């Protein structure tokens, strides 16, 4: 595997910790606001396709004590 170093969107400072560097790599300026967004910034999850079916399936799995794995793609 050939590694490729990502160039930060926001330049690092000498005092930046690992979390700050990861945020700056992706252009995030306010980590707290990113991790805890205000309710008016979050989109309605019911705009996602098939969200009702997904919610029903998760509830069924919980009731039946089935294992659940949730994955996501950040983009």
Protein backbone atom coordinates (compact mmCIF):
# COMPACT_ATOMS: atom_id res chain seq x y z
CA UNK A 1 0.00 0.00 0.00
CA UNK A 2 1.33 3.39 -0.93
CA UNK A 3 0.68 6.00 1.77
CA UNK A 4 -0.27 9.50 0.80
CA UNK A 5 -0.01 12.36 3.29
CA UNK A 6 -3.04 14.62 3.28
CA UNK A 7 -2.41 18.36 3.22
CA UNK A 8 -4.39 20.16 5.94
CA UNK A 9 -7.08 22.58 4.78
CA UNK A 10 -6.16 24.81 7.75
CA UNK A 11 -2.42 24.99 8.62
CA UNK A 12 -1.30 23.35 11.86
CA UNK A 13 -0.01 25.36 14.82
CA UNK A 14 2.85 24.13 17.01
CA UNK A 15 0.49 23.72 20.00
CA UNK A 16 -2.19 21.69 18.14
CA UNK A 17 -3.09 18.34 19.68
CA UNK A 18 -4.14 15.28 17.67
CA UNK A 19 -7.84 16.24 17.68
CA UNK A 20 -7.09 19.74 16.41
CA UNK A 21 -4.86 18.36 13.67
CA UNK A 22 -7.53 15.88 12.53
CA UNK A 23 -10.10 18.67 12.44
CA UNK A 24 -7.81 21.00 10.50
CA UNK A 25 -7.07 18.26 7.98
CA UNK A 26 -10.77 18.38 7.09
CA UNK A 27 -11.29 22.14 7.41
CA UNK A 28 -13.15 22.03 10.73
CA UNK A 29 -12.47 25.23 12.66
CA UNK A 30 -14.70 24.66 15.71
CA UNK A 31 -14.50 21.09 17.05
CA UNK A 32 -17.15 21.61 19.76
CA UNK A 33 -19.66 23.02 17.28
CA UNK A 34 -18.90 20.16 14.86
CA UNK A 35 -19.38 17.44 17.49
CA UNK A 36 -22.38 19.11 19.16
CA UNK A 37 -24.25 20.98 16.42
CA UNK A 38 -27.25 23.16 17.15
CA UNK A 39 -30.62 21.68 16.25
CA UNK A 40 -31.17 24.25 13.47
CA UNK A 41 -28.00 23.03 11.70
CA UNK A 42 -28.88 19.33 11.63
CA UNK A 43 -30.96 18.15 8.68
CA UNK A 44 -34.14 16.18 9.19
CA UNK A 45 -33.26 12.47 9.25
CA UNK A 46 -36.66 11.64 7.76
CA UNK A 47 -35.46 13.16 4.48
CA UNK A 48 -33.26 10.06 4.07
CA UNK A 49 -34.58 7.41 1.72
CA UNK A 50 -36.18 4.39 3.47
CA UNK A 51 -35.61 5.80 6.97
CA UNK A 52 -38.98 4.50 8.22
CA UNK A 53 -38.11 0.96 7.11
CA UNK A 54 -34.69 1.26 8.72
CA UNK A 55 -36.15 2.44 12.03
CA UNK A 56 -38.68 -0.40 12.02
CA UNK A 57 -35.95 -2.96 11.32
CA UNK A 58 -33.75 -1.65 14.14
CA UNK A 59 -36.68 -1.77 16.58
CA UNK A 60 -37.45 -5.35 15.50
CA UNK A 61 -33.79 -6.34 16.00
CA UNK A 62 -33.76 -4.84 19.49
CA UNK A 63 -36.95 -6.67 20.43
CA UNK A 64 -35.53 -9.97 19.11
CA UNK A 65 -32.15 -9.34 20.78
CA UNK A 66 -30.38 -9.60 17.43
CA UNK A 67 -26.91 -8.10 17.01
CA UNK A 68 -26.88 -4.74 15.21
CA UNK A 69 -24.05 -3.21 13.25
CA UNK A 70 -24.36 0.37 12.05
CA UNK A 71 -21.86 1.72 9.54
CA UNK A 72 -21.66 5.05 7.80
CA UNK A 73 -19.91 6.95 5.06
CA UNK A 74 -18.93 10.50 6.00
CA UNK A 75 -19.58 11.93 2.58
